[in-house]
Amino acid sequence: MTHIRFVRHGQTDWNLYGKLQGQTDIPLNETGRQQAEECREALRTSRWDVLITTSLTRAKKTAEIINDSLHLDMVEMDHFKERYFGEGEGMLRDERVKQYPDFIFPNMETYEELVERVHKGLQKIHERFPDQKVLVVAHGAVISAIIREFHEGWEDLGHVKLFNGCLTDLHFEKEKWVVRSYNQVGHLSEHR
């Protein structure tokens, strides 16, 4: 069974201020670095085979901090890069709601395009790392799409706010992907 644990990257200033990041490359802030360190401590007690990250600085730095004690091969895969939000990137929440109440921004990546990209990434992981335990440092919209696509009863969940540094487990069982847990935050000091 292939087991993937998704780690949402640590906090950035844009997360803090409510700015939509998308694929804009924003670094971790001090809280984000602390979240990554707390993820490292939570993950070091288990065996992992490989660590995957995206090319965005906030994910790469989170992965590097986690890997300080794991010493895994690090692979970059932009299949799990944040959704491109087009002209919505850089806008504060109030600005977005006022100008684009339907949350559809000019030139943004569609949900279907995002899901297709993520599915291709999952297929690559399953082919390259079958029956292994894989860590993937990824982004909020990507992890949300995974929950929506692979969690039975996701319709009953409503909108799930994924916290920075949260953990989500995805298993390949009986020829399909299944979300086993999501938005785990017990390892983060801000949620204790």
C-alpha atoms as a PDB file:
ATOM      1  CA  MET A   1       0.000   0.000   0.000  1.00  0.00           C
ATOM      2  CA  THR A   2       1.368   3.408  -0.959  1.00  0.00           C
ATOM      3  CA  HIS A   3       0.958   5.871   1.920  1.00  0.00           C
ATOM      4  CA  ILE A   4       1.286   9.608   1.276  1.00  0.00           C
ATOM      5  CA  ARG A   5       1.334  12.133   4.088  1.00  0.00           C
ATOM      6  CA  PHE A   6       0.721  15.641   2.843  1.00  0.00           C
ATOM      7  CA  VAL A   7       2.165  18.484   4.909  1.00  0.00           C
ATOM      8  CA  ARG A   8       0.818  21.953   4.245  1.00  0.00           C
ATOM      9  CA  HIS A   9       3.706  24.430   4.138  1.00  0.00           C
ATOM     10  CA  GLY A  10       4.348  26.726   7.093  1.00  0.00           C
ATOM     11  CA  GLN A  11       2.853  30.182   7.397  1.00  0.00           C
ATOM     12  CA  THR A  12       3.900  33.178   5.292  1.00  0.00           C
ATOM     13  CA  ASP A  13       3.128  36.843   5.863  1.00  0.00           C
ATOM     14  CA  TRP A  14       0.539  36.620   3.083  1.00  0.00           C
ATOM     15  CA  ASN A  15      -1.198  33.767   4.945  1.00  0.00           C
ATOM     16  CA  LEU A  16      -1.186  35.948   8.053  1.00  0.00           C
ATOM     17  CA  TYR A  17      -2.677  38.974   6.250  1.00  0.00           C
ATOM     18  CA  GLY A  18      -5.202  36.966   4.225  1.00  0.00           C
ATOM     19  CA  LYS A  19      -3.603  37.641   0.835  1.00  0.00           C
ATOM     20  CA  LEU A  20      -4.192  35.024  -1.839  1.00  0.00           C
ATOM     21  CA  GLN A  21      -0.776  33.563  -2.726  1.00  0.00           C
ATOM     22  CA  GLY A  22      -1.443  31.063  -5.453  1.00  0.00           C
ATOM     23  CA  GLN A  23       1.803  30.568  -7.349  1.00  0.00           C
ATOM     24  CA  THR A  24       3.307  33.868  -6.180  1.00  0.00           C
ATOM     25  CA  ASP A  25       6.556  32.873  -4.458  1.00  0.00           C
ATOM     26  CA  ILE A  26       6.347  34.097  -0.847  1.00  0.00           C
ATOM     27  CA  PRO A  27       8.822  32.896   1.845  1.00  0.00           C
ATOM     28  CA  LEU A  28       7.993  31.482   5.272  1.00  0.00           C
ATOM     29  CA  ASN A  29       7.764  33.884   8.186  1.00  0.00           C
ATOM     30  CA  GLU A  30       9.034  33.093  11.700  1.00  0.00           C
ATOM     31  CA  THR A  31       5.797  31.310  12.648  1.00  0.00           C
ATOM     32  CA  GLY A  32       6.054  29.250   9.454  1.00  0.00           C
ATOM     33  CA  ARG A  33       9.580  28.165  10.314  1.00  0.00           C
ATOM     34  CA  GLN A  34       8.417  27.146  13.810  1.00  0.00           C
ATOM     35  CA  GLN A  35       5.524  25.158  12.298  1.00  0.00           C
ATOM     36  CA  ALA A  36       7.985  23.368  10.007  1.00  0.00           C
ATOM     37  CA  GLU A  37      10.182  22.511  13.013  1.00  0.00           C
ATOM     38  CA  GLU A  38       7.158  21.128  14.869  1.00  0.00           C
ATOM     39  CA  CYS A  39       6.241  19.060  11.791  1.00  0.00           C
ATOM     40  CA  ARG A  40       9.803  17.726  11.740  1.00  0.00           C
ATOM     41  CA  GLU A  41       9.497  16.613  15.364  1.00  0.00           C
ATOM     42  CA  ALA A  42       6.160  14.888  14.691  1.00  0.00           C
ATOM     43  CA  LEU A  43       7.407  13.140  11.539  1.00  0.00           C
ATOM     44  CA  ARG A  44      10.793  11.958  12.802  1.00  0.00           C
ATOM     45  CA  THR A  45       9.264   9.155  14.885  1.00  0.00           C
ATOM     46  CA  SER A  46       8.071   7.291  11.763  1.00  0.00           C
ATOM     47  CA  ARG A  47       9.938   5.748   8.855  1.00  0.00           C
ATOM     48  CA  TRP A  48       9.622   7.613   5.541  1.00  0.00           C
ATOM     49  CA  ASP A  49      11.085   6.669   2.174  1.00  0.00           C
ATOM     50  CA  VAL A  50      11.130   9.917   0.221  1.00  0.00           C
ATOM     51  CA  LEU A  51      10.278  13.611   0.612  1.00  0.00           C
ATOM     52  CA  ILE A  52       8.593  15.480  -2.237  1.00  0.00           C
ATOM     53  CA  THR A  53       8.190  19.254  -2.411  1.00  0.00           C
ATOM     54  CA  THR A  54       7.165  21.872  -4.936  1.00  0.00           C
ATOM     55  CA  SER A  55       9.411  24.565  -6.392  1.00  0.00           C
ATOM     56  CA  LEU A  56       7.735  27.361  -4.390  1.00  0.00           C
ATOM     57  CA  THR A  57      10.016  28.714  -1.649  1.00  0.00           C
ATOM     58  CA  ARG A  58       7.491  28.266   1.162  1.00  0.00           C
ATOM     59  CA  ALA A  59       7.148  24.540   0.417  1.00  0.00           C
ATOM     60  CA  LYS A  60      10.866  23.970  -0.247  1.00  0.00           C
ATOM     61  CA  LYS A  61      11.929  25.653   2.996  1.00  0.00           C
ATOM     62  CA  THR A  62       9.315  23.689   4.967  1.00  0.00           C
ATOM     63  CA  ALA A  63      10.646  20.478   3.365  1.00  0.00           C
ATOM     64  CA  GLU A  64      14.279  21.411   4.087  1.00  0.00           C
ATOM     65  CA  ILE A  65      13.509  22.056   7.765  1.00  0.00           C
ATOM     66  CA  ILE A  66      11.620  18.749   8.034  1.00  0.00           C
ATOM     67  CA  ASN A  67      14.468  16.945   6.280  1.00  0.00           C
ATOM     68  CA  ASP A  68      17.070  18.239   8.774  1.00  0.00           C
ATOM     69  CA  SER A  69      16.461  15.143  10.888  1.00  0.00           C
ATOM     70  CA  LEU A  70      15.011  12.729   8.309  1.00  0.00           C
ATOM     71  CA  HIS A  71      17.850  12.902   5.743  1.00  0.00           C
ATOM     72  CA  LEU A  72      15.656  11.673   2.889  1.00  0.00           C
ATOM     73  CA  ASP A  73      16.103  12.052  -0.841  1.00  0.00           C
ATOM     74  CA  MET A  74      14.223  15.227  -1.765  1.00  0.00           C
ATOM     75  CA  VAL A  75      12.328  15.278  -5.059  1.00  0.00           C
ATOM     76  CA  GLU A  76      10.738  18.368  -6.613  1.00  0.00           C
ATOM     77  CA  MET A  77       7.325  17.809  -8.241  1.00  0.00           C
ATOM     78  CA  ASP A  78       5.243  20.744  -9.382  1.00  0.00           C
ATOM     79  CA  HIS A  79       2.162  18.560  -9.821  1.00  0.00           C
ATOM     80  CA  PHE A  80       1.458  19.615  -6.220  1.00  0.00           C
ATOM     81  CA  LYS A  81       2.258  23.317  -6.690  1.00  0.00           C
ATOM     82  CA  GLU A  82      -0.429  25.704  -5.475  1.00  0.00           C
ATOM     83  CA  ARG A  83      -3.348  26.495  -7.766  1.00  0.00           C
ATOM     84  CA  TYR A  84      -2.764  29.482 -10.022  1.00  0.00           C
ATOM     85  CA  PHE A  85      -5.329  32.127  -9.076  1.00  0.00           C
ATOM     86  CA  GLY A  86      -4.584  34.545 -11.925  1.00  0.00           C
ATOM     87  CA  GLU A  87      -5.472  38.144 -11.141  1.00  0.00           C
ATOM     88  CA  GLY A  88      -6.691  37.136  -7.680  1.00  0.00           C
ATOM     89  CA  GLU A  89      -3.136  36.592  -6.471  1.00  0.00           C
ATOM     90  CA  GLY A  90      -1.978  39.261  -4.043  1.00  0.00           C
ATOM     91  CA  MET A  91      -5.506  40.406  -3.208  1.00  0.00           C
ATOM     92  CA  LEU A  92      -6.774  40.608   0.362  1.00  0.00           C
ATOM     93  CA  ARG A  93      -9.897  38.637   1.246  1.00  0.00           C
ATOM     94  CA  ASP A  94     -12.157  41.726   1.424  1.00  0.00           C
ATOM     95  CA  GLU A  95     -10.918  42.880  -1.997  1.00  0.00           C
ATOM     96  CA  ARG A  96     -11.550  39.433  -3.475  1.00  0.00           C
ATOM     97  CA  VAL A  97     -15.082  39.199  -2.085  1.00  0.00           C
ATOM     98  CA  LYS A  98     -15.930  42.691  -3.322  1.00  0.00           C
ATOM     99  CA  GLN A  99     -14.476  42.370  -6.836  1.00  0.00           C
ATOM    100  CA  TYR A 100     -15.011  38.642  -7.450  1.00  0.00           C
ATOM    101  CA  PRO A 101     -17.824  37.359  -5.177  1.00  0.00           C
ATOM    102  CA  ASP A 102     -17.983  34.085  -7.132  1.00  0.00           C
ATOM    103  CA  PHE A 103     -14.255  33.471  -6.450  1.00  0.00           C
ATOM    104  CA  ILE A 104     -13.537  33.176 -10.185  1.00  0.00           C
ATOM    105  CA  PHE A 105     -10.583  35.370 -11.118  1.00  0.00           C
ATOM    106  CA  PRO A 106      -9.476  36.261 -14.644  1.00  0.00           C
ATOM    107  CA  ASN A 107      -6.818  33.848 -15.961  1.00  0.00           C
ATOM    108  CA  MET A 108      -7.036  31.459 -12.998  1.00  0.00           C
ATOM    109  CA  GLU A 109      -6.435  27.717 -13.259  1.00  0.00           C
ATOM    110  CA  THR A 110      -9.793  25.932 -13.260  1.00  0.00           C
ATOM    111  CA  TYR A 111     -10.637  23.365 -10.616  1.00  0.00           C
ATOM    112  CA  GLU A 112     -10.682  20.690 -13.323  1.00  0.00           C
ATOM    113  CA  GLU A 113      -7.162  21.658 -14.459  1.00  0.00           C
ATOM    114  CA  LEU A 114      -5.934  21.542 -10.862  1.00  0.00           C
ATOM    115  CA  VAL A 115      -7.467  18.102 -10.267  1.00  0.00           C
ATOM    116  CA  GLU A 116      -6.003  16.738 -13.512  1.00  0.00           C
ATOM    117  CA  ARG A 117      -2.536  17.982 -12.503  1.00  0.00           C
ATOM    118  CA  VAL A 118      -2.832  16.481  -9.010  1.00  0.00           C
ATOM    119  CA  HIS A 119      -4.074  13.131 -10.398  1.00  0.00           C
ATOM    120  CA  LYS A 120      -1.009  12.980 -12.674  1.00  0.00           C
ATOM    121  CA  GLY A 121       1.233  13.637  -9.678  1.00  0.00           C
ATOM    122  CA  LEU A 122      -0.406  10.903  -7.629  1.00  0.00           C
ATOM    123  CA  GLN A 123      -0.010   8.481 -10.524  1.00  0.00           C
ATOM    124  CA  LYS A 124       3.705   9.338 -10.769  1.00  0.00           C
ATOM    125  CA  ILE A 125       4.164   8.767  -7.035  1.00  0.00           C
ATOM    126  CA  HIS A 126       2.350   5.428  -7.224  1.00  0.00           C
ATOM    127  CA  GLU A 127       4.522   4.342 -10.180  1.00  0.00           C
ATOM    128  CA  ARG A 128       7.868   5.602  -8.807  1.00  0.00           C
ATOM    129  CA  PHE A 129       7.348   4.758  -5.129  1.00  0.00           C
ATOM    130  CA  PRO A 130       4.929   1.799  -4.957  1.00  0.00           C
ATOM    131  CA  ASP A 131       4.197   0.507  -1.461  1.00  0.00           C
ATOM    132  CA  GLN A 132       6.358   3.218   0.086  1.00  0.00           C
ATOM    133  CA  LYS A 133       5.752   5.926   2.682  1.00  0.00           C
ATOM    134  CA  VAL A 134       5.981   9.296   0.971  1.00  0.00           C
ATOM    135  CA  LEU A 135       5.977  12.790   2.479  1.00  0.00           C
ATOM    136  CA  VAL A 136       4.718  15.588   0.216  1.00  0.00           C
ATOM    137  CA  VAL A 137       5.001  19.235   1.246  1.00  0.00           C
ATOM    138  CA  ALA A 138       2.210  20.957  -0.658  1.00  0.00           C
ATOM    139  CA  HIS A 139      -0.329  23.774  -0.610  1.00  0.00           C
ATOM    140  CA  GLY A 140      -3.832  24.475   0.655  1.00  0.00           C
ATOM    141  CA  ALA A 141      -5.833  24.327  -2.583  1.00  0.00           C
ATOM    142  CA  VAL A 142      -4.027  21.137  -3.635  1.00  0.00           C
ATOM    143  CA  ILE A 143      -4.719  19.372  -0.330  1.00  0.00           C
ATOM    144  CA  SER A 144      -8.325  20.622  -0.366  1.00  0.00           C
ATOM    145  CA  ALA A 145      -8.781  19.152  -3.846  1.00  0.00           C
ATOM    146  CA  ILE A 146      -7.367  15.822  -2.637  1.00  0.00           C
ATOM    147  CA  ILE A 147      -9.814  15.771   0.281  1.00  0.00           C
ATOM    148  CA  ARG A 148     -12.685  16.627  -2.042  1.00  0.00           C
ATOM    149  CA  GLU A 149     -11.725  13.984  -4.602  1.00  0.00           C
ATOM    150  CA  PHE A 150     -10.819  11.104  -2.275  1.00  0.00           C
ATOM    151  CA  HIS A 151     -12.679  11.506   1.039  1.00  0.00           C
ATOM    152  CA  GLU A 152     -15.909   9.541   1.212  1.00  0.00           C
ATOM    153  CA  GLY A 153     -18.627  11.890   2.395  1.00  0.00           C
ATOM    154  CA  TRP A 154     -16.683  15.071   1.603  1.00  0.00           C
ATOM    155  CA  GLU A 155     -20.001  16.720   0.740  1.00  0.00           C
ATOM    156  CA  ASP A 156     -20.904  16.605   4.441  1.00  0.00           C
ATOM    157  CA  LEU A 157     -17.665  18.309   5.471  1.00  0.00           C
ATOM    158  CA  GLY A 158     -18.504  21.738   4.095  1.00  0.00           C
ATOM    159  CA  HIS A 159     -15.541  24.078   3.682  1.00  0.00           C
ATOM    160  CA  VAL A 160     -12.510  22.813   5.604  1.00  0.00           C
ATOM    161  CA  LYS A 161      -9.976  25.477   6.585  1.00  0.00           C
ATOM    162  CA  LEU A 162      -6.613  23.769   6.332  1.00  0.00           C
ATOM    163  CA  PHE A 163      -4.100  25.122   8.826  1.00  0.00           C
ATOM    164  CA  ASN A 164      -0.488  25.798   7.929  1.00  0.00           C
ATOM    165  CA  GLY A 165       1.595  22.799   8.999  1.00  0.00           C
ATOM    166  CA  CYS A 166      -1.384  20.414   9.035  1.00  0.00           C
ATOM    167  CA  LEU A 167      -1.006  16.749   8.060  1.00  0.00           C
ATOM    168  CA  THR A 168      -3.298  14.803   5.710  1.00  0.00           C
ATOM    169  CA  ASP A 169      -2.981  11.064   5.019  1.00  0.00           C
ATOM    170  CA  LEU A 170      -3.811   9.488   1.669  1.00  0.00           C
ATOM    171  CA  HIS A 171      -3.526   5.716   1.074  1.00  0.00           C
ATOM    172  CA  PHE A 172      -3.719   3.707  -2.141  1.00  0.00           C
ATOM    173  CA  GLU A 173      -5.954   0.777  -1.160  1.00  0.00           C
ATOM    174  CA  LYS A 174      -7.777  -1.720  -3.353  1.00  0.00           C
ATOM    175  CA  GLU A 175      -6.787   0.156  -6.506  1.00  0.00           C
ATOM    176  CA  LYS A 176      -8.014   3.572  -5.353  1.00  0.00           C
ATOM    177  CA  TRP A 177      -6.865   6.544  -3.291  1.00  0.00           C
ATOM    178  CA  VAL A 178      -8.566   7.069   0.079  1.00  0.00           C
ATOM    179  CA  VAL A 179      -8.161   9.970   2.536  1.00  0.00           C
ATOM    180  CA  ARG A 180      -7.587   8.395   5.952  1.00  0.00           C
ATOM    181  CA  SER A 181      -7.240  11.616   7.976  1.00  0.00           C
ATOM    182  CA  TYR A 182      -6.939  15.309   7.231  1.00  0.00           C
ATOM    183  CA  ASN A 183      -6.017  18.636   8.802  1.00  0.00           C
ATOM    184  CA  GLN A 184      -4.197  17.014  11.749  1.00  0.00           C
ATOM    185  CA  VAL A 185      -2.749  19.776  13.942  1.00  0.00           C
ATOM    186  CA  GLY A 186      -2.063  18.133  17.329  1.00  0.00           C
ATOM    187  CA  HIS A 187       1.693  18.481  16.772  1.00  0.00           C
ATOM    188  CA  LEU A 188       1.474  22.286  16.386  1.00  0.00           C
ATOM    189  CA  SER A 189       1.904  24.302  19.605  1.00  0.00           C
ATOM    190  CA  GLU A 190      -0.611  26.940  18.480  1.00  0.00           C
ATOM    191  CA  HIS A 191      -3.361  24.273  18.480  1.00  0.00           C
ATOM    192  CA  ARG A 192      -2.605  22.648  21.847  1.00  0.00           C
END
